């Protein structure tokens, strides 16, 4: 469990450089869901996860 994977994360119309870990991406999505009071499906559409 010590290995961290990096992924490019779409944020609106802009892709990040791919330096975010899965944990950071989860925190970003969670923060968005809490702040916007959106659903998980709505957040997935916003961040382009299908």
PDB file of N, CA and C in Angstrom:
ATOM      1  N   UNK A   1       0.818  -1.186   0.000  1.00  0.00           N
ATOM      2  CA  UNK A   1       0.000   0.000   0.000  1.00  0.00           C
ATOM      3  C   UNK A   1       0.862   1.249   0.000  1.00  0.00           C
ATOM      4  N   UNK A   2       2.178   1.117   0.012  1.00  0.00           N
ATOM      5  CA  UNK A   2       3.062   2.261   0.040  1.00  0.00           C
ATOM      6  C   UNK A   2       3.215   2.959  -1.299  1.00  0.00           C
ATOM      7  N   UNK A   3       2.813   2.293  -2.385  1.00  0.00           N
ATOM      8  CA  UNK A   3       2.976   2.885  -3.704  1.00  0.00           C
ATOM      9  C   UNK A   3       1.833   3.842  -4.000  1.00  0.00           C
ATOM     10  N   UNK A   4       2.148   5.022  -4.514  1.00  0.00           N
ATOM     11  CA  UNK A   4       1.119   5.990  -4.881  1.00  0.00           C
ATOM     12  C   UNK A   4       1.118   6.147  -6.387  1.00  0.00           C
ATOM     13  N   UNK A   5      -0.063   6.157  -6.963  1.00  0.00           N
ATOM     14  CA  UNK A   5      -0.212   6.313  -8.393  1.00  0.00           C
ATOM     15  C   UNK A   5      -0.532   7.764  -8.710  1.00  0.00           C
ATOM     16  N   UNK A   6      -0.033   8.240  -9.814  1.00  0.00           N
ATOM     17  CA  UNK A   6      -0.329   9.596 -10.262  1.00  0.00           C
ATOM     18  C   UNK A   6      -1.279   9.537 -11.439  1.00  0.00           C
ATOM     19  N   UNK A   7      -2.205  10.468 -11.496  1.00  0.00           N
ATOM     20  CA  UNK A   7      -3.176  10.545 -12.570  1.00  0.00           C
ATOM     21  C   UNK A   7      -3.346  11.989 -12.977  1.00  0.00           C
ATOM     22  N   UNK A   8      -3.573  12.194 -14.259  1.00  0.00           N
ATOM     23  CA  UNK A   8      -3.960  13.521 -14.717  1.00  0.00           C
ATOM     24  C   UNK A   8      -5.413  13.723 -14.321  1.00  0.00           C
ATOM     25  N   UNK A   9      -5.722  14.867 -13.766  1.00  0.00           N
ATOM     26  CA  UNK A   9      -7.055  15.119 -13.251  1.00  0.00           C
ATOM     27  C   UNK A   9      -7.680  16.274 -14.005  1.00  0.00           C
ATOM     28  N   UNK A  10      -8.818  16.013 -14.670  1.00  0.00           N
ATOM     29  CA  UNK A  10      -9.484  17.125 -15.336  1.00  0.00           C
ATOM     30  C   UNK A  10     -10.174  18.017 -14.317  1.00  0.00           C
ATOM     31  N   UNK A  11      -9.881  19.288 -14.355  1.00  0.00           N
ATOM     32  CA  UNK A  11     -10.540  20.259 -13.477  1.00  0.00           C
ATOM     33  C   UNK A  11     -11.251  21.257 -14.377  1.00  0.00           C
ATOM     34  N   UNK A  12     -12.516  21.006 -14.618  1.00  0.00           N
ATOM     35  CA  UNK A  12     -13.251  21.838 -15.561  1.00  0.00           C
ATOM     36  C   UNK A  12     -12.724  21.568 -16.953  1.00  0.00           C
ATOM     37  N   UNK A  13     -12.246  22.599 -17.617  1.00  0.00           N
ATOM     38  CA  UNK A  13     -11.705  22.450 -18.968  1.00  0.00           C
ATOM     39  C   UNK A  13     -10.188  22.326 -18.973  1.00  0.00           C
ATOM     40  N   UNK A  14      -9.558  22.282 -17.802  1.00  0.00           N
ATOM     41  CA  UNK A  14      -8.097  22.275 -17.710  1.00  0.00           C
ATOM     42  C   UNK A  14      -7.624  20.971 -17.073  1.00  0.00           C
ATOM     43  N   UNK A  15      -6.615  20.351 -17.672  1.00  0.00           N
ATOM     44  CA  UNK A  15      -6.026  19.152 -17.085  1.00  0.00           C
ATOM     45  C   UNK A  15      -4.847  19.578 -16.213  1.00  0.00           C
ATOM     46  N   UNK A  16      -4.723  18.945 -15.038  1.00  0.00           N
ATOM     47  CA  UNK A  16      -3.550  19.213 -14.218  1.00  0.00           C
ATOM     48  C   UNK A  16      -2.374  18.455 -14.798  1.00  0.00           C
ATOM     49  N   UNK A  17      -1.207  18.665 -14.272  1.00  0.00           N
ATOM     50  CA  UNK A  17       0.009  18.092 -14.839  1.00  0.00           C
ATOM     51  C   UNK A  17       0.167  16.609 -14.556  1.00  0.00           C
ATOM     52  N   UNK A  18      -0.743  15.996 -13.816  1.00  0.00           N
ATOM     53  CA  UNK A  18      -0.634  14.587 -13.506  1.00  0.00           C
ATOM     54  C   UNK A  18       0.138  14.332 -12.231  1.00  0.00           C
ATOM     55  N   UNK A  19       0.352  15.349 -11.431  1.00  0.00           N
ATOM     56  CA  UNK A  19       1.126  15.220 -10.203  1.00  0.00           C
ATOM     57  C   UNK A  19       0.269  14.885  -8.991  1.00  0.00           C
ATOM     58  N   UNK A  20      -1.049  14.868  -9.138  1.00  0.00           N
ATOM     59  CA  UNK A  20      -1.914  14.559  -8.001  1.00  0.00           C
ATOM     60  C   UNK A  20      -1.976  13.050  -7.781  1.00  0.00           C
ATOM     61  N   UNK A  21      -1.935  12.653  -6.543  1.00  0.00           N
ATOM     62  CA  UNK A  21      -2.104  11.245  -6.213  1.00  0.00           C
ATOM     63  C   UNK A  21      -3.591  10.937  -6.125  1.00  0.00           C
ATOM     64  N   UNK A  22      -3.908   9.672  -6.025  1.00  0.00           N
ATOM     65  CA  UNK A  22      -5.308   9.265  -5.891  1.00  0.00           C
ATOM     66  C   UNK A  22      -5.926   9.903  -4.654  1.00  0.00           C
ATOM     67  N   UNK A  23      -5.168   9.970  -3.561  1.00  0.00           N
ATOM     68  CA  UNK A  23      -5.680  10.570  -2.333  1.00  0.00           C
ATOM     69  C   UNK A  23      -5.989  12.047  -2.518  1.00  0.00           C
ATOM     70  N   UNK A  24      -5.120  12.754  -3.228  1.00  0.00           N
ATOM     71  CA  UNK A  24      -5.339  14.182  -3.476  1.00  0.00           C
ATOM     72  C   UNK A  24      -6.557  14.387  -4.371  1.00  0.00           C
ATOM     73  N   UNK A  25      -6.710  13.520  -5.372  1.00  0.00           N
ATOM     74  CA  UNK A  25      -7.860  13.615  -6.263  1.00  0.00           C
ATOM     75  C   UNK A  25      -9.149  13.360  -5.486  1.00  0.00           C
ATOM     76  N   UNK A  26      -9.138  12.384  -4.579  1.00  0.00           N
ATOM     77  CA  UNK A  26     -10.320  12.095  -3.763  1.00  0.00           C
ATOM     78  C   UNK A  26     -10.669  13.288  -2.886  1.00  0.00           C
ATOM     79  N   UNK A  27      -9.665  13.926  -2.315  1.00  0.00           N
ATOM     80  CA  UNK A  27      -9.906  15.108  -1.474  1.00  0.00           C
ATOM     81  C   UNK A  27     -10.474  16.253  -2.296  1.00  0.00           C
ATOM     82  N   UNK A  28      -9.958  16.440  -3.507  1.00  0.00           N
ATOM     83  CA  UNK A  28     -10.462  17.494  -4.383  1.00  0.00           C
ATOM     84  C   UNK A  28     -11.927  17.254  -4.714  1.00  0.00           C
ATOM     85  N   UNK A  29     -12.255  16.017  -5.079  1.00  0.00           N
ATOM     86  CA  UNK A  29     -13.644  15.686  -5.394  1.00  0.00           C
ATOM     87  C   UNK A  29     -14.547  15.835  -4.171  1.00  0.00           C
ATOM     88  N   UNK A  30     -14.078  15.364  -3.018  1.00  0.00           N
ATOM     89  CA  UNK A  30     -14.873  15.478  -1.793  1.00  0.00           C
ATOM     90  C   UNK A  30     -15.126  16.933  -1.445  1.00  0.00           C
ATOM     91  N   UNK A  31     -14.108  17.758  -1.563  1.00  0.00           N
ATOM     92  CA  UNK A  31     -14.259  19.187  -1.264  1.00  0.00           C
ATOM     93  C   UNK A  31     -15.281  19.820  -2.210  1.00  0.00           C
ATOM     94  N   UNK A  32     -15.222  19.443  -3.503  1.00  0.00           N
ATOM     95  CA  UNK A  32     -16.178  19.966  -4.470  1.00  0.00           C
ATOM     96  C   UNK A  32     -17.604  19.546  -4.107  1.00  0.00           C
ATOM     97  N   UNK A  33     -17.797  18.271  -3.763  1.00  0.00           N
ATOM     98  CA  UNK A  33     -19.132  17.761  -3.424  1.00  0.00           C
ATOM     99  C   UNK A  33     -19.687  18.471  -2.199  1.00  0.00           C
ATOM    100  N   UNK A  34     -18.855  18.661  -1.188  1.00  0.00           N
ATOM    101  CA  UNK A  34     -19.307  19.339   0.031  1.00  0.00           C
ATOM    102  C   UNK A  34     -19.637  20.798  -0.237  1.00  0.00           C
ATOM    103  N   UNK A  35     -18.746  21.500  -0.933  1.00  0.00           N
ATOM    104  CA  UNK A  35     -18.953  22.927  -1.192  1.00  0.00           C
ATOM    105  C   UNK A  35     -20.148  23.196  -2.095  1.00  0.00           C
ATOM    106  N   UNK A  36     -20.317  22.367  -3.129  1.00  0.00           N
ATOM    107  CA  UNK A  36     -21.382  22.615  -4.099  1.00  0.00           C
ATOM    108  C   UNK A  36     -22.686  21.907  -3.741  1.00  0.00           C
ATOM    109  N   UNK A  37     -22.627  20.998  -2.755  1.00  0.00           N
ATOM    110  CA  UNK A  37     -23.785  20.188  -2.372  1.00  0.00           C
ATOM    111  C   UNK A  37     -24.295  19.389  -3.568  1.00  0.00           C
ATOM    112  N   UNK A  38     -23.370  19.003  -4.431  1.00  0.00           N
ATOM    113  CA  UNK A  38     -23.678  18.209  -5.608  1.00  0.00           C
ATOM    114  C   UNK A  38     -23.668  16.731  -5.232  1.00  0.00           C
ATOM    115  N   UNK A  39     -24.189  15.892  -6.118  1.00  0.00           N
ATOM    116  CA  UNK A  39     -24.161  14.450  -5.888  1.00  0.00           C
ATOM    117  C   UNK A  39     -22.842  13.885  -6.418  1.00  0.00           C
ATOM    118  N   UNK A  40     -22.565  12.632  -6.081  1.00  0.00           N
ATOM    119  CA  UNK A  40     -21.363  11.977  -6.584  1.00  0.00           C
ATOM    120  C   UNK A  40     -21.428  11.880  -8.105  1.00  0.00           C
ATOM    121  N   UNK A  41     -22.599  11.540  -8.636  1.00  0.00           N
ATOM    122  CA  UNK A  41     -22.751  11.469 -10.097  1.00  0.00           C
ATOM    123  C   UNK A  41     -22.557  12.828 -10.742  1.00  0.00           C
ATOM    124  N   UNK A  42     -23.082  13.865 -10.110  1.00  0.00           N
ATOM    125  CA  UNK A  42     -22.907  15.216 -10.642  1.00  0.00           C
ATOM    126  C   UNK A  42     -21.448  15.629 -10.648  1.00  0.00           C
ATOM    127  N   UNK A  43     -20.729  15.289  -9.590  1.00  0.00           N
ATOM    128  CA  UNK A  43     -19.305  15.593  -9.518  1.00  0.00           C
ATOM    129  C   UNK A  43     -18.533  14.813 -10.573  1.00  0.00           C
ATOM    130  N   UNK A  44     -18.921  13.557 -10.796  1.00  0.00           N
ATOM    131  CA  UNK A  44     -18.258  12.737 -11.805  1.00  0.00           C
ATOM    132  C   UNK A  44     -18.442  13.354 -13.198  1.00  0.00           C
ATOM    133  N   UNK A  45     -19.628  13.862 -13.474  1.00  0.00           N
ATOM    134  CA  UNK A  45     -19.853  14.522 -14.761  1.00  0.00           C
ATOM    135  C   UNK A  45     -19.037  15.802 -14.866  1.00  0.00           C
ATOM    136  N   UNK A  46     -18.993  16.571 -13.791  1.00  0.00           N
ATOM    137  CA  UNK A  46     -18.244  17.826 -13.782  1.00  0.00           C
ATOM    138  C   UNK A  46     -16.750  17.582 -14.022  1.00  0.00           C
ATOM    139  N   UNK A  47     -16.215  16.512 -13.404  1.00  0.00           N
ATOM    140  CA  UNK A  47     -14.804  16.205 -13.527  1.00  0.00           C
ATOM    141  C   UNK A  47     -14.527  15.188 -14.624  1.00  0.00           C
ATOM    142  N   UNK A  48     -15.553  14.882 -15.411  1.00  0.00           N
ATOM    143  CA  UNK A  48     -15.461  13.993 -16.569  1.00  0.00           C
ATOM    144  C   UNK A  48     -15.076  12.554 -16.235  1.00  0.00           C
ATOM    145  N   UNK A  49     -15.524  12.029 -15.105  1.00  0.00           N
ATOM    146  CA  UNK A  49     -15.352  10.615 -14.792  1.00  0.00           C
ATOM    147  C   UNK A  49     -16.658   9.922 -15.117  1.00  0.00           C
ATOM    148  N   UNK A  50     -16.596   8.821 -15.844  1.00  0.00           N
ATOM    149  CA  UNK A  50     -17.839   8.172 -16.269  1.00  0.00           C
ATOM    150  C   UNK A  50     -18.104   6.934 -15.514  1.00  0.00           C
TER     151      UNK A  50
END
